[in-house]
PDB file of N, CA and C in Angstrom:
ATOM      1  N   MET A   1      42.993 -31.193 150.453  1.00  0.00           N
ATOM      2  CA  MET A   1      44.182 -30.919 149.668  1.00  0.00           C
ATOM      3  C   MET A   1      43.788 -30.019 148.497  1.00  0.00           C
ATOM      4  N   THR A   2      44.574 -29.004 148.274  1.00  0.00           N
ATOM      5  CA  THR A   2      44.287 -28.107 147.169  1.00  0.00           C
ATOM      6  C   THR A   2      44.723 -28.747 145.863  1.00  0.00           C
ATOM      7  N   PRO A   3      44.092 -28.397 144.753  1.00  0.00           N
ATOM      8  CA  PRO A   3      44.396 -29.049 143.477  1.00  0.00           C
ATOM      9  C   PRO A   3      45.833 -28.906 143.015  1.00  0.00           C
ATOM     10  N   ASN A   4      46.535 -27.846 143.409  1.00  0.00           N
ATOM     11  CA  ASN A   4      47.896 -27.654 142.927  1.00  0.00           C
ATOM     12  C   ASN A   4      48.936 -28.415 143.749  1.00  0.00           C
ATOM     13  N   LYS A   5      48.541 -29.047 144.820  1.00  0.00           N
ATOM     14  CA  LYS A   5      49.488 -29.817 145.623  1.00  0.00           C
ATOM     15  C   LYS A   5      49.571 -31.249 145.107  1.00  0.00           C
ATOM     16  N   ARG A   6      50.788 -31.733 145.003  1.00  0.00           N
ATOM     17  CA  ARG A   6      50.985 -33.117 144.585  1.00  0.00           C
ATOM     18  C   ARG A   6      50.756 -34.031 145.776  1.00  0.00           C
ATOM     19  N   SER A   7      50.390 -35.266 145.504  1.00  0.00           N
ATOM     20  CA  SER A   7      50.133 -36.199 146.590  1.00  0.00           C
ATOM     21  C   SER A   7      51.448 -36.647 147.228  1.00  0.00           C
ATOM     22  N   LEU A   8      51.360 -37.008 148.474  1.00  0.00           N
ATOM     23  CA  LEU A   8      52.527 -37.414 149.248  1.00  0.00           C
ATOM     24  C   LEU A   8      52.244 -38.781 149.830  1.00  0.00           C
ATOM     25  N   HIS A   9      53.172 -39.684 149.692  1.00  0.00           N
ATOM     26  CA  HIS A   9      52.972 -40.989 150.305  1.00  0.00           C
ATOM     27  C   HIS A   9      54.309 -41.631 150.656  1.00  0.00           C
ATOM     28  N   ILE A  10      54.249 -42.574 151.566  1.00  0.00           N
ATOM     29  CA  ILE A  10      55.419 -43.371 151.917  1.00  0.00           C
ATOM     30  C   ILE A  10      55.360 -44.653 151.106  1.00  0.00           C
ATOM     31  N   GLU A  11      56.423 -44.957 150.423  1.00  0.00           N
ATOM     32  CA  GLU A  11      56.508 -46.205 149.666  1.00  0.00           C
ATOM     33  C   GLU A  11      56.713 -47.338 150.658  1.00  0.00           C
ATOM     34  N   SER A  12      55.746 -48.216 150.756  1.00  0.00           N
ATOM     35  CA  SER A  12      55.845 -49.286 151.745  1.00  0.00           C
ATOM     36  C   SER A  12      56.173 -50.645 151.136  1.00  0.00           C
ATOM     37  N   SER A  13      56.071 -50.772 149.833  1.00  0.00           N
ATOM     38  CA  SER A  13      56.392 -52.061 149.236  1.00  0.00           C
ATOM     39  C   SER A  13      57.879 -52.346 149.416  1.00  0.00           C
ATOM     40  N   GLY A  14      58.179 -53.546 149.815  1.00  0.00           N
ATOM     41  CA  GLY A  14      59.556 -53.923 150.076  1.00  0.00           C
ATOM     42  C   GLY A  14      60.063 -53.416 151.423  1.00  0.00           C
ATOM     43  N   GLN A  15      59.163 -52.870 152.226  1.00  0.00           N
ATOM     44  CA  GLN A  15      59.528 -52.386 153.555  1.00  0.00           C
ATOM     45  C   GLN A  15      60.714 -51.422 153.499  1.00  0.00           C
ATOM     46  N   LEU A  16      60.650 -50.439 152.618  1.00  0.00           N
ATOM     47  CA  LEU A  16      61.767 -49.515 152.452  1.00  0.00           C
ATOM     48  C   LEU A  16      62.043 -48.667 153.685  1.00  0.00           C
ATOM     49  N   CYS A  17      60.999 -48.172 154.329  1.00  0.00           N
ATOM     50  CA  CYS A  17      61.195 -47.290 155.475  1.00  0.00           C
ATOM     51  C   CYS A  17      61.860 -48.050 156.625  1.00  0.00           C
ATOM     52  N   ILE A  18      62.933 -47.462 157.166  1.00  0.00           N
ATOM     53  CA  ILE A  18      63.643 -48.084 158.285  1.00  0.00           C
ATOM     54  C   ILE A  18      63.395 -47.332 159.593  1.00  0.00           C
ATOM     55  N   TYR A  19      62.457 -46.376 159.574  1.00  0.00           N
ATOM     56  CA  TYR A  19      62.056 -45.629 160.776  1.00  0.00           C
ATOM     57  C   TYR A  19      63.228 -44.953 161.469  1.00  0.00           C
ATOM     58  N   CYS A  20      64.118 -44.372 160.666  1.00  0.00           N
ATOM     59  CA  CYS A  20      65.304 -43.720 161.226  1.00  0.00           C
ATOM     60  C   CYS A  20      65.007 -42.309 161.733  1.00  0.00           C
ATOM     61  N   GLY A  21      63.927 -41.703 161.230  1.00  0.00           N
ATOM     62  CA  GLY A  21      63.550 -40.367 161.670  1.00  0.00           C
ATOM     63  C   GLY A  21      64.259 -39.232 160.957  1.00  0.00           C
ATOM     64  N   ALA A  22      65.038 -39.534 159.933  1.00  0.00           N
ATOM     65  CA  ALA A  22      65.754 -38.484 159.208  1.00  0.00           C
ATOM     66  C   ALA A  22      64.786 -37.463 158.627  1.00  0.00           C
ATOM     67  N   CYS A  23      63.670 -37.914 158.115  1.00  0.00           N
ATOM     68  CA  CYS A  23      62.677 -37.011 157.518  1.00  0.00           C
ATOM     69  C   CYS A  23      62.042 -36.105 158.569  1.00  0.00           C
ATOM     70  N   VAL A  24      61.816 -36.648 159.743  1.00  0.00           N
ATOM     71  CA  VAL A  24      61.212 -35.871 160.827  1.00  0.00           C
ATOM     72  C   VAL A  24      62.136 -34.729 161.228  1.00  0.00           C
ATOM     73  N   GLY A  25      63.416 -35.016 161.322  1.00  0.00           N
ATOM     74  CA  GLY A  25      64.388 -34.024 161.759  1.00  0.00           C
ATOM     75  C   GLY A  25      64.618 -32.877 160.800  1.00  0.00           C
ATOM     76  N   VAL A  26      64.362 -33.091 159.512  1.00  0.00           N
ATOM     77  CA  VAL A  26      64.641 -32.034 158.534  1.00  0.00           C
ATOM     78  C   VAL A  26      63.414 -31.243 158.104  1.00  0.00           C
ATOM     79  N   CYS A  27      62.238 -31.689 158.451  1.00  0.00           N
ATOM     80  CA  CYS A  27      61.016 -31.018 157.994  1.00  0.00           C
ATOM     81  C   CYS A  27      60.910 -29.624 158.616  1.00  0.00           C
ATOM     82  N   PRO A  28      60.930 -28.565 157.786  1.00  0.00           N
ATOM     83  CA  PRO A  28      60.880 -27.212 158.321  1.00  0.00           C
ATOM     84  C   PRO A  28      59.515 -26.841 158.911  1.00  0.00           C
ATOM     85  N   LEU A  29      58.490 -27.615 158.580  1.00  0.00           N
ATOM     86  CA  LEU A  29      57.149 -27.315 159.078  1.00  0.00           C
ATOM     87  C   LEU A  29      56.684 -28.286 160.159  1.00  0.00           C
ATOM     88  N   ASN A  30      57.546 -29.228 160.537  1.00  0.00           N
ATOM     89  CA  ASN A  30      57.222 -30.218 161.560  1.00  0.00           C
ATOM     90  C   ASN A  30      55.907 -30.938 161.280  1.00  0.00           C
ATOM     91  N   CYS A  31      55.719 -31.352 160.039  1.00  0.00           N
ATOM     92  CA  CYS A  31      54.462 -32.019 159.685  1.00  0.00           C
ATOM     93  C   CYS A  31      54.629 -33.523 159.473  1.00  0.00           C
ATOM     94  N   ILE A  32      55.770 -34.075 159.892  1.00  0.00           N
ATOM     95  CA  ILE A  32      56.008 -35.508 159.769  1.00  0.00           C
ATOM     96  C   ILE A  32      56.071 -36.105 161.166  1.00  0.00           C
ATOM     97  N   TYR A  33      55.336 -37.187 161.351  1.00  0.00           N
ATOM     98  CA  TYR A  33      55.266 -37.834 162.663  1.00  0.00           C
ATOM     99  C   TYR A  33      55.692 -39.282 162.529  1.00  0.00           C
ATOM    100  N   LEU A  34      56.489 -39.751 163.465  1.00  0.00           N
ATOM    101  CA  LEU A  34      57.047 -41.095 163.420  1.00  0.00           C
ATOM    102  C   LEU A  34      56.749 -41.829 164.710  1.00  0.00           C
ATOM    103  N   ASP A  35      56.287 -43.070 164.583  1.00  0.00           N
ATOM    104  CA  ASP A  35      56.255 -43.963 165.731  1.00  0.00           C
ATOM    105  C   ASP A  35      56.898 -45.268 165.303  1.00  0.00           C
ATOM    106  N   GLU A  36      56.853 -46.270 166.122  1.00  0.00           N
ATOM    107  CA  GLU A  36      57.606 -47.480 165.784  1.00  0.00           C
ATOM    108  C   GLU A  36      57.007 -48.306 164.653  1.00  0.00           C
ATOM    109  N   THR A  37      55.813 -47.984 164.207  1.00  0.00           N
ATOM    110  CA  THR A  37      55.209 -48.776 163.136  1.00  0.00           C
ATOM    111  C   THR A  37      54.843 -47.999 161.881  1.00  0.00           C
ATOM    112  N   ARG A  38      54.908 -46.659 161.926  1.00  0.00           N
ATOM    113  CA  ARG A  38      54.535 -45.918 160.720  1.00  0.00           C
ATOM    114  C   ARG A  38      54.983 -44.464 160.782  1.00  0.00           C
ATOM    115  N   ILE A  39      54.995 -43.851 159.594  1.00  0.00           N
ATOM    116  CA  ILE A  39      55.253 -42.422 159.464  1.00  0.00           C
ATOM    117  C   ILE A  39      53.995 -41.810 158.869  1.00  0.00           C
ATOM    118  N   THR A  40      53.596 -40.672 159.401  1.00  0.00           N
ATOM    119  CA  THR A  40      52.451 -39.971 158.839  1.00  0.00           C
ATOM    120  C   THR A  40      52.839 -38.532 158.546  1.00  0.00           C
ATOM    121  N   PHE A  41      52.151 -37.954 157.583  1.00  0.00           N
ATOM    122  CA  PHE A  41      52.377 -36.579 157.169  1.00  0.00           C
ATOM    123  C   PHE A  41      51.091 -35.802 157.350  1.00  0.00           C
ATOM    124  N   ASP A  42      51.191 -34.581 157.814  1.00  0.00           N
ATOM    125  CA  ASP A  42      50.022 -33.712 157.873  1.00  0.00           C
ATOM    126  C   ASP A  42      49.919 -33.022 156.526  1.00  0.00           C
ATOM    127  N   GLU A  43      49.050 -33.553 155.669  1.00  0.00           N
ATOM    128  CA  GLU A  43      48.927 -33.053 154.294  1.00  0.00           C
ATOM    129  C   GLU A  43      48.433 -31.618 154.228  1.00  0.00           C
ATOM    130  N   LYS A  44      47.764 -31.149 155.276  1.00  0.00           N
ATOM    131  CA  LYS A  44      47.266 -29.774 155.282  1.00  0.00           C
ATOM    132  C   LYS A  44      48.396 -28.772 155.484  1.00  0.00           C
ATOM    133  N   ILE A  45      49.466 -29.201 156.139  1.00  0.00           N
ATOM    134  CA  ILE A  45      50.601 -28.321 156.424  1.00  0.00           C
ATOM    135  C   ILE A  45      51.708 -28.467 155.380  1.00  0.00           C
ATOM    136  N   CYS A  46      51.921 -29.670 154.891  1.00  0.00           N
ATOM    137  CA  CYS A  46      53.028 -29.966 153.976  1.00  0.00           C
ATOM    138  C   CYS A  46      52.947 -29.123 152.705  1.00  0.00           C
ATOM    139  N   THR A  47      54.075 -28.521 152.334  1.00  0.00           N
ATOM    140  CA  THR A  47      54.150 -27.701 151.123  1.00  0.00           C
ATOM    141  C   THR A  47      54.814 -28.446 149.957  1.00  0.00           C
ATOM    142  N   ARG A  48      55.170 -29.704 150.151  1.00  0.00           N
ATOM    143  CA  ARG A  48      55.822 -30.534 149.123  1.00  0.00           C
ATOM    144  C   ARG A  48      57.179 -29.972 148.731  1.00  0.00           C
ATOM    145  N   CYS A  49      57.929 -29.503 149.737  1.00  0.00           N
ATOM    146  CA  CYS A  49      59.257 -28.929 149.470  1.00  0.00           C
ATOM    147  C   CYS A  49      60.286 -29.996 149.101  1.00  0.00           C
ATOM    148  N   GLU A  50      60.011 -31.244 149.424  1.00  0.00           N
ATOM    149  CA  GLU A  50      60.838 -32.405 149.102  1.00  0.00           C
ATOM    150  C   GLU A  50      62.135 -32.502 149.909  1.00  0.00           C
ATOM    151  N   ILE A  51      62.281 -31.726 150.964  1.00  0.00           N
ATOM    152  CA  ILE A  51      63.461 -31.852 151.821  1.00  0.00           C
ATOM    153  C   ILE A  51      63.511 -33.244 152.446  1.00  0.00           C
ATOM    154  N   CYS A  52      62.360 -33.757 152.840  1.00  0.00           N
ATOM    155  CA  CYS A  52      62.308 -35.099 153.445  1.00  0.00           C
ATOM    156  C   CYS A  52      62.699 -36.176 152.436  1.00  0.00           C
ATOM    157  N   VAL A  53      62.319 -35.991 151.186  1.00  0.00           N
ATOM    158  CA  VAL A  53      62.665 -36.951 150.136  1.00  0.00           C
ATOM    159  C   VAL A  53      64.179 -37.054 150.009  1.00  0.00           C
ATOM    160  N   LYS A  54      64.845 -35.902 149.999  1.00  0.00           N
ATOM    161  CA  LYS A  54      66.306 -35.876 149.868  1.00  0.00           C
ATOM    162  C   LYS A  54      67.005 -36.416 151.112  1.00  0.00           C
ATOM    163  N   ALA A  55      66.378 -36.248 152.283  1.00  0.00           N
ATOM    164  CA  ALA A  55      66.991 -36.697 153.537  1.00  0.00           C
ATOM    165  C   ALA A  55      66.860 -38.186 153.783  1.00  0.00           C
ATOM    166  N   CYS A  56      65.899 -38.817 153.143  1.00  0.00           N
ATOM    167  CA  CYS A  56      65.653 -40.252 153.397  1.00  0.00           C
ATOM    168  C   CYS A  56      66.788 -41.104 152.845  1.00  0.00           C
ATOM    169  N   PRO A  57      67.485 -41.857 153.700  1.00  0.00           N
ATOM    170  CA  PRO A  57      68.634 -42.637 153.250  1.00  0.00           C
ATOM    171  C   PRO A  57      68.284 -43.860 152.411  1.00  0.00           C
ATOM    172  N   VAL A  58      67.009 -44.265 152.430  1.00  0.00           N
ATOM    173  CA  VAL A  58      66.623 -45.467 151.682  1.00  0.00           C
ATOM    174  C   VAL A  58      65.610 -45.190 150.585  1.00  0.00           C
ATOM    175  N   GLY A  59      65.302 -43.923 150.327  1.00  0.00           N
ATOM    176  CA  GLY A  59      64.383 -43.573 149.249  1.00  0.00           C
ATOM    177  C   GLY A  59      62.955 -44.011 149.479  1.00  0.00           C
ATOM    178  N   ALA A  60      62.504 -44.007 150.737  1.00  0.00           N
ATOM    179  CA  ALA A  60      61.170 -44.498 151.047  1.00  0.00           C
ATOM    180  C   ALA A  60      60.059 -43.466 150.853  1.00  0.00           C
ATOM    181  N   ILE A  61      60.396 -42.195 150.660  1.00  0.00           N
ATOM    182  CA  ILE A  61      59.384 -41.159 150.516  1.00  0.00           C
ATOM    183  C   ILE A  61      59.283 -40.731 149.059  1.00  0.00           C
ATOM    184  N   GLU A  62      58.069 -40.709 148.561  1.00  0.00           N
ATOM    185  CA  GLU A  62      57.830 -40.256 147.198  1.00  0.00           C
ATOM    186  C   GLU A  62      56.782 -39.173 147.203  1.00  0.00           C
ATOM    187  N   ILE A  63      56.975 -38.140 146.427  1.00  0.00           N
ATOM    188  CA  ILE A  63      55.963 -37.115 146.225  1.00  0.00           C
ATOM    189  C   ILE A  63      55.605 -37.171 144.754  1.00  0.00           C
ATOM    190  N   GLY A  64      54.348 -37.446 144.470  1.00  0.00           N
ATOM    191  CA  GLY A  64      53.978 -37.630 143.081  1.00  0.00           C
ATOM    192  C   GLY A  64      52.682 -36.979 142.728  1.00  0.00           C
TER     193      GLY A  64
END
């Protein structure tokens, strides 16, 4: 990760993520992967555009 990129993580406390796939569908770089137990991000590709943050209906994605 380059120093100017902010960290990206899924907030898992309280089981916020409902695995709806909304973030996967809106990612312009296709760097979000979903299976039935977790979501992962390819940090090397992600530009921290925050489109996925806005698309998440339960606020489970944070970029900090």
